[in-house]
């Protein structure tokens, strides 16, 4: 990626191919994001799959309520849920696609993308561009 700071610490690894960091509880259930505070004591970090399938999506057409700290002026964006098979369903931005490109169940791949001129965030994009 670039020298942009992550939007929040501990969301993804810094590998050549970054991965989201989830947490596996004692019962084997995986959660994302990794919990903080006392909740993290019984959870082990796990690098999540880079590939998943589009579970659902929508367009965020209006600026979220405060404390929104995103790019200005606000620009609508795609947001959805991507299922990482056998792991967890992740809420995520969707990039490099238009609403007409998206089909429930399509393959998606993880990406680290600019959020604004200071920070990067995670997203998923269609694995095979139309």
N, C-alpha and C. Protein backbone atom coordinates (compact mmCIF):
# COMPACT_ATOMS: atom_id res chain seq x y z
N UNK A 1 0.87 -1.17 0.00
CA UNK A 1 0.00 0.00 0.00
C UNK A 1 0.90 1.21 0.00
N UNK A 2 0.54 2.26 0.64
CA UNK A 2 1.36 3.47 0.68
C UNK A 2 1.63 3.80 2.13
N UNK A 3 2.05 5.03 2.37
CA UNK A 3 2.38 5.45 3.72
C UNK A 3 1.14 5.92 4.50
N UNK A 4 -0.04 5.67 3.99
CA UNK A 4 -1.25 6.06 4.71
C UNK A 4 -1.38 5.23 5.99
N UNK A 5 -1.75 5.89 7.07
CA UNK A 5 -1.93 5.20 8.35
C UNK A 5 -3.23 4.40 8.30
N UNK A 6 -3.26 3.20 8.91
CA UNK A 6 -4.53 2.46 8.97
C UNK A 6 -5.59 3.26 9.72
N UNK A 7 -6.84 3.11 9.32
CA UNK A 7 -7.94 3.83 9.94
C UNK A 7 -8.08 3.47 11.42
N UNK A 8 -7.67 2.26 11.79
CA UNK A 8 -7.66 1.81 13.18
C UNK A 8 -6.58 0.74 13.30
N UNK A 9 -5.93 0.65 14.44
CA UNK A 9 -4.87 -0.35 14.60
C UNK A 9 -5.45 -1.77 14.70
N UNK A 10 -4.68 -2.74 14.24
CA UNK A 10 -5.02 -4.14 14.43
C UNK A 10 -6.13 -4.71 13.58
N UNK A 11 -6.52 -4.03 12.51
CA UNK A 11 -7.59 -4.56 11.66
C UNK A 11 -7.07 -5.57 10.64
N UNK A 12 -5.83 -5.36 10.15
CA UNK A 12 -5.27 -6.27 9.16
C UNK A 12 -3.78 -6.43 9.38
N UNK A 13 -3.23 -7.50 8.78
CA UNK A 13 -1.81 -7.78 8.88
C UNK A 13 -1.05 -6.91 7.89
N UNK A 14 0.26 -6.84 8.04
CA UNK A 14 1.10 -6.07 7.13
C UNK A 14 1.86 -6.97 6.17
N UNK A 15 1.35 -8.15 5.91
CA UNK A 15 2.01 -9.08 5.00
C UNK A 15 2.01 -8.50 3.59
N UNK A 16 2.82 -9.08 2.70
CA UNK A 16 2.75 -8.64 1.30
C UNK A 16 1.33 -8.74 0.75
N UNK A 17 0.58 -9.74 1.18
CA UNK A 17 -0.84 -9.84 0.86
C UNK A 17 -1.59 -9.72 2.18
N UNK A 18 -1.97 -8.51 2.58
CA UNK A 18 -2.59 -8.31 3.89
C UNK A 18 -3.86 -9.11 4.06
N UNK A 19 -4.18 -9.42 5.33
CA UNK A 19 -5.39 -10.15 5.68
C UNK A 19 -6.02 -9.47 6.89
N UNK A 20 -7.34 -9.51 6.96
CA UNK A 20 -8.03 -9.04 8.15
C UNK A 20 -7.64 -9.93 9.33
N UNK A 21 -7.63 -9.36 10.53
CA UNK A 21 -7.33 -10.11 11.74
C UNK A 21 -8.63 -10.31 12.51
N UNK A 22 -9.04 -11.56 12.60
CA UNK A 22 -10.21 -11.92 13.38
C UNK A 22 -9.76 -12.53 14.69
N UNK A 23 -10.71 -13.02 15.45
CA UNK A 23 -10.39 -13.68 16.71
C UNK A 23 -11.16 -14.98 16.82
N UNK A 24 -10.46 -16.03 17.26
CA UNK A 24 -11.10 -17.33 17.47
C UNK A 24 -11.28 -17.55 18.96
N UNK A 25 -12.54 -17.71 19.37
CA UNK A 25 -12.86 -17.95 20.77
C UNK A 25 -12.59 -19.39 21.16
N UNK A 26 -12.68 -19.68 22.45
CA UNK A 26 -12.45 -21.03 22.97
C UNK A 26 -13.40 -22.04 22.34
N UNK A 27 -14.58 -21.60 21.94
CA UNK A 27 -15.56 -22.50 21.31
C UNK A 27 -15.32 -22.69 19.82
N UNK A 28 -14.27 -22.04 19.27
CA UNK A 28 -13.94 -22.15 17.85
C UNK A 28 -14.60 -21.11 16.97
N UNK A 29 -15.55 -20.35 17.51
CA UNK A 29 -16.23 -19.33 16.72
C UNK A 29 -15.27 -18.19 16.39
N UNK A 30 -15.33 -17.71 15.16
CA UNK A 30 -14.48 -16.60 14.72
C UNK A 30 -15.31 -15.33 14.68
N UNK A 31 -14.71 -14.24 15.16
CA UNK A 31 -15.35 -12.93 15.16
C UNK A 31 -14.45 -11.93 14.45
N UNK A 32 -15.07 -10.87 13.95
CA UNK A 32 -14.34 -9.73 13.40
C UNK A 32 -15.13 -8.49 13.72
N UNK A 33 -14.48 -7.44 14.19
CA UNK A 33 -13.05 -7.31 14.41
C UNK A 33 -12.61 -8.03 15.68
N UNK A 34 -11.29 -8.13 15.85
CA UNK A 34 -10.73 -8.73 17.05
C UNK A 34 -11.20 -7.92 18.25
N UNK A 35 -11.70 -8.58 19.28
CA UNK A 35 -12.21 -7.83 20.44
C UNK A 35 -11.10 -7.10 21.19
N UNK A 36 -11.50 -6.13 21.99
CA UNK A 36 -10.54 -5.38 22.79
C UNK A 36 -10.85 -5.55 24.27
N UNK A 37 -9.97 -5.08 25.11
CA UNK A 37 -10.19 -5.12 26.55
C UNK A 37 -10.28 -6.53 27.09
N UNK A 38 -11.10 -6.71 28.11
CA UNK A 38 -11.25 -8.02 28.76
C UNK A 38 -11.75 -9.08 27.80
N UNK A 39 -12.54 -8.70 26.82
CA UNK A 39 -13.09 -9.67 25.86
C UNK A 39 -11.99 -10.35 25.05
N UNK A 40 -10.83 -9.73 24.93
CA UNK A 40 -9.74 -10.30 24.13
C UNK A 40 -8.96 -11.38 24.87
N UNK A 41 -9.15 -11.47 26.18
CA UNK A 41 -8.34 -12.39 26.99
C UNK A 41 -8.48 -13.85 26.58
N UNK A 42 -9.64 -14.26 26.11
CA UNK A 42 -9.86 -15.67 25.76
C UNK A 42 -9.96 -15.89 24.26
N UNK A 43 -9.50 -14.93 23.48
CA UNK A 43 -9.60 -15.01 22.03
C UNK A 43 -8.20 -14.98 21.44
N UNK A 44 -7.95 -15.87 20.48
CA UNK A 44 -6.64 -15.87 19.82
C UNK A 44 -6.77 -15.22 18.44
N UNK A 45 -5.77 -14.43 18.03
CA UNK A 45 -5.83 -13.79 16.72
C UNK A 45 -5.74 -14.84 15.61
N UNK A 46 -6.45 -14.58 14.53
CA UNK A 46 -6.40 -15.46 13.37
C UNK A 46 -6.49 -14.59 12.11
N UNK A 47 -5.58 -14.86 11.16
CA UNK A 47 -5.61 -14.16 9.88
C UNK A 47 -6.74 -14.76 9.05
N UNK A 48 -7.65 -13.92 8.60
CA UNK A 48 -8.83 -14.39 7.86
C UNK A 48 -8.51 -14.57 6.38
N UNK A 49 -9.36 -15.30 5.72
CA UNK A 49 -9.21 -15.55 4.29
C UNK A 49 -9.26 -14.24 3.52
N UNK A 50 -8.51 -14.16 2.44
CA UNK A 50 -8.53 -12.99 1.56
C UNK A 50 -9.69 -13.06 0.57
N UNK A 51 -10.29 -14.23 0.43
CA UNK A 51 -11.34 -14.43 -0.55
C UNK A 51 -12.66 -14.80 0.12
N UNK A 52 -13.75 -14.30 -0.46
CA UNK A 52 -15.07 -14.62 0.07
C UNK A 52 -16.11 -14.46 -1.02
N UNK A 53 -17.37 -14.50 -0.60
CA UNK A 53 -18.46 -14.31 -1.54
C UNK A 53 -19.37 -13.19 -1.04
N UNK A 54 -19.90 -12.45 -1.99
CA UNK A 54 -20.79 -11.34 -1.66
C UNK A 54 -22.09 -11.90 -1.10
N UNK A 55 -22.41 -11.53 0.12
CA UNK A 55 -23.58 -12.03 0.83
C UNK A 55 -24.76 -11.07 0.69
N UNK A 56 -24.47 -9.77 0.72
CA UNK A 56 -25.48 -8.73 0.58
C UNK A 56 -24.76 -7.39 0.36
N UNK A 57 -25.47 -6.41 -0.18
CA UNK A 57 -24.85 -5.10 -0.37
C UNK A 57 -25.92 -4.02 -0.53
N UNK A 58 -25.48 -2.77 -0.38
CA UNK A 58 -26.32 -1.61 -0.60
C UNK A 58 -25.42 -0.42 -0.92
N UNK A 59 -26.03 0.69 -1.23
CA UNK A 59 -25.31 1.94 -1.45
C UNK A 59 -25.52 2.85 -0.26
N UNK A 60 -24.43 3.40 0.29
CA UNK A 60 -24.51 4.41 1.35
C UNK A 60 -24.62 5.74 0.64
N UNK A 61 -25.84 6.23 0.50
CA UNK A 61 -26.09 7.40 -0.32
C UNK A 61 -26.10 8.73 0.42
N UNK A 62 -25.96 8.69 1.74
CA UNK A 62 -25.98 9.93 2.52
C UNK A 62 -24.87 9.86 3.58
N UNK A 63 -24.43 11.02 4.02
CA UNK A 63 -23.36 11.07 5.00
C UNK A 63 -23.83 10.47 6.32
N UNK A 64 -23.07 9.52 6.87
CA UNK A 64 -23.45 8.93 8.16
C UNK A 64 -23.49 10.00 9.25
N UNK A 65 -24.25 9.70 10.31
CA UNK A 65 -24.37 10.62 11.44
C UNK A 65 -23.02 10.80 12.13
N UNK A 66 -22.92 11.85 12.95
CA UNK A 66 -21.72 12.06 13.75
C UNK A 66 -21.49 10.86 14.63
N UNK A 67 -20.28 10.44 14.84
CA UNK A 67 -19.03 11.16 14.62
C UNK A 67 -18.35 10.83 13.30
N UNK A 68 -19.07 10.86 12.18
CA UNK A 68 -18.48 10.57 10.87
C UNK A 68 -17.23 11.41 10.67
N UNK A 69 -16.14 10.75 10.30
CA UNK A 69 -14.86 11.41 10.09
C UNK A 69 -14.28 10.95 8.77
N UNK A 70 -15.11 10.96 7.74
CA UNK A 70 -14.67 10.48 6.44
C UNK A 70 -14.35 11.61 5.49
N UNK A 71 -14.04 11.23 4.27
CA UNK A 71 -13.68 12.21 3.25
C UNK A 71 -14.77 13.26 3.05
N UNK A 72 -14.34 14.47 2.79
CA UNK A 72 -15.25 15.58 2.50
C UNK A 72 -14.85 16.17 1.16
N UNK A 73 -15.74 16.54 0.29
CA UNK A 73 -17.16 16.38 0.50
C UNK A 73 -17.53 14.90 0.44
N UNK A 74 -18.63 14.54 1.12
CA UNK A 74 -19.09 13.15 1.16
C UNK A 74 -19.43 12.67 -0.24
N UNK A 75 -19.03 11.45 -0.54
CA UNK A 75 -19.39 10.81 -1.81
C UNK A 75 -20.00 9.46 -1.50
N UNK A 76 -21.15 9.13 -2.09
CA UNK A 76 -21.78 7.82 -1.84
C UNK A 76 -20.81 6.68 -2.13
N UNK A 77 -21.00 5.56 -1.42
CA UNK A 77 -20.12 4.41 -1.61
C UNK A 77 -20.92 3.13 -1.44
N UNK A 78 -20.35 2.04 -1.91
CA UNK A 78 -20.97 0.72 -1.77
C UNK A 78 -20.50 0.10 -0.47
N UNK A 79 -21.40 -0.57 0.20
CA UNK A 79 -21.08 -1.27 1.44
C UNK A 79 -21.83 -2.59 1.41
N UNK A 80 -21.23 -3.60 1.99
CA UNK A 80 -21.89 -4.90 1.96
C UNK A 80 -21.34 -5.85 2.99
N UNK A 81 -21.81 -7.08 2.89
CA UNK A 81 -21.33 -8.17 3.72
C UNK A 81 -20.69 -9.20 2.81
N UNK A 82 -19.48 -9.62 3.19
CA UNK A 82 -18.77 -10.65 2.45
C UNK A 82 -18.57 -11.84 3.38
N UNK A 83 -19.02 -13.01 2.92
CA UNK A 83 -18.89 -14.22 3.72
C UNK A 83 -17.54 -14.87 3.42
N UNK A 84 -16.75 -15.05 4.48
CA UNK A 84 -15.49 -15.76 4.38
C UNK A 84 -15.79 -17.19 4.83
N UNK A 85 -15.89 -18.11 3.89
CA UNK A 85 -16.40 -19.46 4.13
C UNK A 85 -15.74 -20.12 5.33
N UNK A 86 -16.58 -20.61 6.23
CA UNK A 86 -16.10 -21.31 7.41
C UNK A 86 -15.51 -20.40 8.47
N UNK A 87 -15.58 -19.08 8.24
CA UNK A 87 -14.99 -18.13 9.19
C UNK A 87 -16.05 -17.19 9.75
N UNK A 88 -16.36 -16.14 9.00
CA UNK A 88 -17.24 -15.09 9.51
C UNK A 88 -17.77 -14.28 8.32
N UNK A 89 -18.85 -13.54 8.54
CA UNK A 89 -19.35 -12.58 7.55
C UNK A 89 -18.87 -11.20 7.99
N UNK A 90 -18.20 -10.49 7.08
CA UNK A 90 -17.57 -9.20 7.37
C UNK A 90 -18.35 -8.06 6.72
N UNK A 91 -18.65 -7.03 7.50
CA UNK A 91 -19.20 -5.80 6.93
C UNK A 91 -18.03 -5.02 6.34
N UNK A 92 -18.19 -4.52 5.12
CA UNK A 92 -17.05 -3.94 4.41
C UNK A 92 -17.48 -2.94 3.34
N UNK A 93 -16.60 -2.04 3.02
CA UNK A 93 -16.77 -1.24 1.82
C UNK A 93 -16.53 -2.15 0.63
N UNK A 94 -17.16 -1.81 -0.49
CA UNK A 94 -16.94 -2.52 -1.74
C UNK A 94 -16.38 -1.50 -2.72
N UNK A 95 -15.25 -1.83 -3.34
CA UNK A 95 -14.60 -0.89 -4.26
C UNK A 95 -14.45 -1.51 -5.64
N UNK A 96 -14.12 -0.66 -6.60
CA UNK A 96 -13.86 -1.08 -7.98
C UNK A 96 -15.06 -1.78 -8.61
N UNK A 97 -16.26 -1.32 -8.27
CA UNK A 97 -17.48 -1.90 -8.82
C UNK A 97 -18.57 -0.85 -8.80
N UNK A 98 -19.55 -1.04 -9.65
CA UNK A 98 -20.77 -0.23 -9.61
C UNK A 98 -21.90 -1.16 -9.18
N UNK A 99 -23.04 -0.60 -8.78
CA UNK A 99 -24.15 -1.47 -8.40
C UNK A 99 -24.52 -2.50 -9.49
N UNK A 100 -24.41 -2.11 -10.74
CA UNK A 100 -24.75 -3.02 -11.84
C UNK A 100 -23.79 -4.20 -11.94
N UNK A 101 -22.58 -4.07 -11.37
CA UNK A 101 -21.58 -5.14 -11.42
C UNK A 101 -21.81 -6.22 -10.38
N UNK A 102 -22.56 -5.90 -9.32
CA UNK A 102 -22.63 -6.78 -8.15
C UNK A 102 -23.74 -7.81 -8.27
N UNK A 103 -23.37 -9.06 -7.92
CA UNK A 103 -24.30 -10.18 -7.93
C UNK A 103 -24.08 -10.95 -6.63
N UNK A 104 -25.16 -11.17 -5.88
CA UNK A 104 -25.05 -11.94 -4.65
C UNK A 104 -24.40 -13.28 -4.97
N UNK A 105 -23.40 -13.67 -4.15
CA UNK A 105 -22.68 -14.92 -4.35
C UNK A 105 -21.44 -14.80 -5.20
N UNK A 106 -21.17 -13.61 -5.76
CA UNK A 106 -19.99 -13.46 -6.61
C UNK A 106 -18.71 -13.50 -5.76
N UNK A 107 -17.60 -13.97 -6.33
CA UNK A 107 -16.34 -14.00 -5.60
C UNK A 107 -15.79 -12.60 -5.36
N UNK A 108 -15.30 -12.39 -4.15
CA UNK A 108 -14.73 -11.10 -3.75
C UNK A 108 -13.33 -11.34 -3.18
N UNK A 109 -12.48 -10.32 -3.26
CA UNK A 109 -11.13 -10.42 -2.73
C UNK A 109 -10.81 -9.18 -1.89
N UNK A 110 -10.05 -9.39 -0.83
CA UNK A 110 -9.69 -8.35 0.13
C UNK A 110 -8.72 -7.35 -0.47
N UNK A 111 -8.82 -6.10 -0.03
CA UNK A 111 -7.91 -5.04 -0.48
C UNK A 111 -7.74 -4.01 0.63
N UNK A 112 -6.60 -3.37 0.67
CA UNK A 112 -6.38 -2.20 1.52
C UNK A 112 -6.40 -1.01 0.57
N UNK A 113 -7.26 -0.02 0.87
CA UNK A 113 -7.48 1.10 -0.05
C UNK A 113 -7.42 2.42 0.72
N UNK A 114 -7.16 3.52 0.03
CA UNK A 114 -7.21 4.82 0.70
C UNK A 114 -8.62 5.12 1.21
N UNK A 115 -8.71 5.67 2.42
CA UNK A 115 -9.98 6.13 2.98
C UNK A 115 -10.13 7.62 2.74
N UNK A 116 -9.06 8.35 3.03
CA UNK A 116 -8.98 9.78 2.76
C UNK A 116 -7.51 10.08 2.49
N UNK A 117 -7.11 11.34 2.58
CA UNK A 117 -5.72 11.66 2.25
C UNK A 117 -4.73 11.32 3.37
N UNK A 118 -5.22 10.81 4.51
CA UNK A 118 -4.35 10.47 5.64
C UNK A 118 -4.38 8.99 6.01
N UNK A 119 -5.51 8.32 5.70
CA UNK A 119 -5.71 6.97 6.24
C UNK A 119 -6.11 5.97 5.17
N UNK A 120 -5.79 4.71 5.47
CA UNK A 120 -6.24 3.61 4.63
C UNK A 120 -7.28 2.80 5.39
N UNK A 121 -8.08 2.04 4.65
CA UNK A 121 -9.09 1.17 5.25
C UNK A 121 -9.13 -0.13 4.47
N UNK A 122 -9.91 -1.07 4.97
CA UNK A 122 -10.06 -2.34 4.26
C UNK A 122 -11.32 -2.29 3.41
N UNK A 123 -11.32 -3.11 2.39
CA UNK A 123 -12.47 -3.22 1.49
C UNK A 123 -12.39 -4.57 0.81
N UNK A 124 -13.44 -4.90 0.10
CA UNK A 124 -13.41 -6.04 -0.81
C UNK A 124 -13.81 -5.54 -2.18
N UNK A 125 -13.30 -6.20 -3.22
CA UNK A 125 -13.62 -5.87 -4.60
C UNK A 125 -13.97 -7.16 -5.33
N UNK A 126 -14.73 -7.07 -6.41
CA UNK A 126 -14.98 -8.29 -7.18
C UNK A 126 -13.65 -8.93 -7.58
N UNK A 127 -13.58 -10.24 -7.41
CA UNK A 127 -12.32 -10.92 -7.72
C UNK A 127 -12.01 -10.88 -9.20
N UNK A 128 -13.04 -10.98 -10.02
CA UNK A 128 -12.87 -10.93 -11.46
C UNK A 128 -13.61 -9.71 -11.97
N UNK A 129 -12.86 -8.73 -12.42
CA UNK A 129 -13.47 -7.48 -12.88
C UNK A 129 -14.30 -7.73 -14.14
N UNK A 130 -15.47 -7.08 -14.25
CA UNK A 130 -16.33 -7.26 -15.43
C UNK A 130 -15.67 -6.73 -16.70
